[in-house]
Amino acid sequence: MSTAEVEVVEAFTSVGITPERAMAAAAALNKRDALSDVSGVKSDVAVMKWMLGFNIAMTVAVLLKLFVH
């Protein structure tokens, strides 16, 4: 269990929530945070794919111009 999960469990138990429910809530929050991190990486990868595609297209265009001329 990470430090953040321990803090969430302690906060929930201090206000009277059972430890089992507090652990479930901490796990749900951790899962939500992990999913949001993955979506950020996916959008970065999409931009990199476009950049690579543009780079390859320009390289092919330059090579064609060089050798066809």
C-alpha atoms as a PDB file:
ATOM      1  CA  MET A   1       0.000   0.000   0.000  1.00  0.00           C
ATOM      2  CA  SER A   2       1.401   3.374  -0.998  1.00  0.00           C
ATOM      3  CA  THR A   3       1.769   6.375   1.268  1.00  0.00           C
ATOM      4  CA  ALA A   4      -1.184   8.104  -0.363  1.00  0.00           C
ATOM      5  CA  GLU A   5      -3.402   5.069   0.215  1.00  0.00           C
ATOM      6  CA  VAL A   6      -2.367   4.922   3.878  1.00  0.00           C
ATOM      7  CA  GLU A   7      -3.210   8.602   4.294  1.00  0.00           C
ATOM      8  CA  VAL A   8      -6.635   8.109   2.681  1.00  0.00           C
ATOM      9  CA  VAL A   9      -7.389   5.094   4.888  1.00  0.00           C
ATOM     10  CA  GLU A  10      -6.321   7.001   8.013  1.00  0.00           C
ATOM     11  CA  ALA A  11      -8.443  10.008   7.033  1.00  0.00           C
ATOM     12  CA  PHE A  12     -11.527   7.880   6.413  1.00  0.00           C
ATOM     13  CA  THR A  13     -11.116   5.843   9.590  1.00  0.00           C
ATOM     14  CA  SER A  14     -10.665   9.018  11.637  1.00  0.00           C
ATOM     15  CA  VAL A  15     -14.152  10.164  10.613  1.00  0.00           C
ATOM     16  CA  GLY A  16     -15.743   6.830  11.530  1.00  0.00           C
ATOM     17  CA  ILE A  17     -15.700   4.787   8.316  1.00  0.00           C
ATOM     18  CA  THR A  18     -14.831   1.110   8.739  1.00  0.00           C
ATOM     19  CA  PRO A  19     -11.301   0.136   7.726  1.00  0.00           C
ATOM     20  CA  GLU A  20     -12.591  -2.224   5.020  1.00  0.00           C
ATOM     21  CA  ARG A  21     -14.602   0.528   3.329  1.00  0.00           C
ATOM     22  CA  ALA A  22     -11.708   2.962   3.748  1.00  0.00           C
ATOM     23  CA  MET A  23      -9.338   0.524   2.019  1.00  0.00           C
ATOM     24  CA  ALA A  24     -11.821   0.025  -0.817  1.00  0.00           C
ATOM     25  CA  ALA A  25     -12.124   3.785  -1.289  1.00  0.00           C
ATOM     26  CA  ALA A  26      -8.342   4.202  -1.271  1.00  0.00           C
ATOM     27  CA  ALA A  27      -7.975   1.454  -3.885  1.00  0.00           C
ATOM     28  CA  ALA A  28     -10.627   3.096  -6.079  1.00  0.00           C
ATOM     29  CA  LEU A  29      -8.871   6.464  -5.865  1.00  0.00           C
ATOM     30  CA  ASN A  30      -5.534   4.859  -6.716  1.00  0.00           C
ATOM     31  CA  LYS A  31      -7.054   3.068  -9.725  1.00  0.00           C
ATOM     32  CA  ARG A  32      -8.593   6.322 -10.972  1.00  0.00           C
ATOM     33  CA  ASP A  33      -5.245   8.111 -10.691  1.00  0.00           C
ATOM     34  CA  ALA A  34      -3.467   5.324 -12.569  1.00  0.00           C
ATOM     35  CA  LEU A  35      -6.006   5.471 -15.402  1.00  0.00           C
ATOM     36  CA  SER A  36      -5.619   9.224 -15.764  1.00  0.00           C
ATOM     37  CA  ASP A  37      -1.846   8.803 -16.052  1.00  0.00           C
ATOM     38  CA  VAL A  38      -2.273   6.282 -18.863  1.00  0.00           C
ATOM     39  CA  SER A  39      -4.570   8.559 -20.850  1.00  0.00           C
ATOM     40  CA  GLY A  40      -1.947  11.311 -20.739  1.00  0.00           C
ATOM     41  CA  VAL A  41       0.681   8.947 -22.109  1.00  0.00           C
ATOM     42  CA  LYS A  42      -1.673   7.790 -24.869  1.00  0.00           C
ATOM     43  CA  SER A  43      -2.207  11.351 -26.082  1.00  0.00           C
ATOM     44  CA  ASP A  44       1.558  11.958 -26.081  1.00  0.00           C
ATOM     45  CA  VAL A  45       2.106   8.820 -28.143  1.00  0.00           C
ATOM     46  CA  ALA A  46      -0.513   9.963 -30.663  1.00  0.00           C
ATOM     47  CA  VAL A  47       1.348  13.244 -31.187  1.00  0.00           C
ATOM     48  CA  MET A  48       4.631  11.377 -31.605  1.00  0.00           C
ATOM     49  CA  LYS A  49       3.057   9.111 -34.236  1.00  0.00           C
ATOM     50  CA  TRP A  50       1.991  12.145 -36.269  1.00  0.00           C
ATOM     51  CA  MET A  51       5.458  13.659 -35.950  1.00  0.00           C
ATOM     52  CA  LEU A  52       7.106  10.426 -37.096  1.00  0.00           C
ATOM     53  CA  GLY A  53       4.698  10.072 -40.012  1.00  0.00           C
ATOM     54  CA  PHE A  54       5.383  13.634 -41.159  1.00  0.00           C
ATOM     55  CA  ASN A  55       9.133  13.087 -40.842  1.00  0.00           C
ATOM     56  CA  ILE A  56       9.014   9.881 -42.895  1.00  0.00           C
ATOM     57  CA  ALA A  57       6.854  11.523 -45.576  1.00  0.00           C
ATOM     58  CA  MET A  58       9.215  14.484 -45.907  1.00  0.00           C
ATOM     59  CA  THR A  59      12.265  12.180 -46.038  1.00  0.00           C
ATOM     60  CA  VAL A  60      10.687  10.106 -48.813  1.00  0.00           C
ATOM     61  CA  ALA A  61       9.771  13.291 -50.706  1.00  0.00           C
ATOM     62  CA  VAL A  62      13.344  14.604 -50.493  1.00  0.00           C
ATOM     63  CA  LEU A  63      14.815  11.253 -51.583  1.00  0.00           C
ATOM     64  CA  LEU A  64      12.402  11.000 -54.511  1.00  0.00           C
ATOM     65  CA  LYS A  65      13.235  14.534 -55.597  1.00  0.00           C
ATOM     66  CA  LEU A  66      16.944  13.749 -55.308  1.00  0.00           C
ATOM     67  CA  PHE A  67      16.936  10.537 -57.307  1.00  0.00           C
ATOM     68  CA  VAL A  68      14.156  11.240 -59.831  1.00  0.00           C
ATOM     69  CA  HIS A  69      15.595  14.562 -60.884  1.00  0.00           C
END
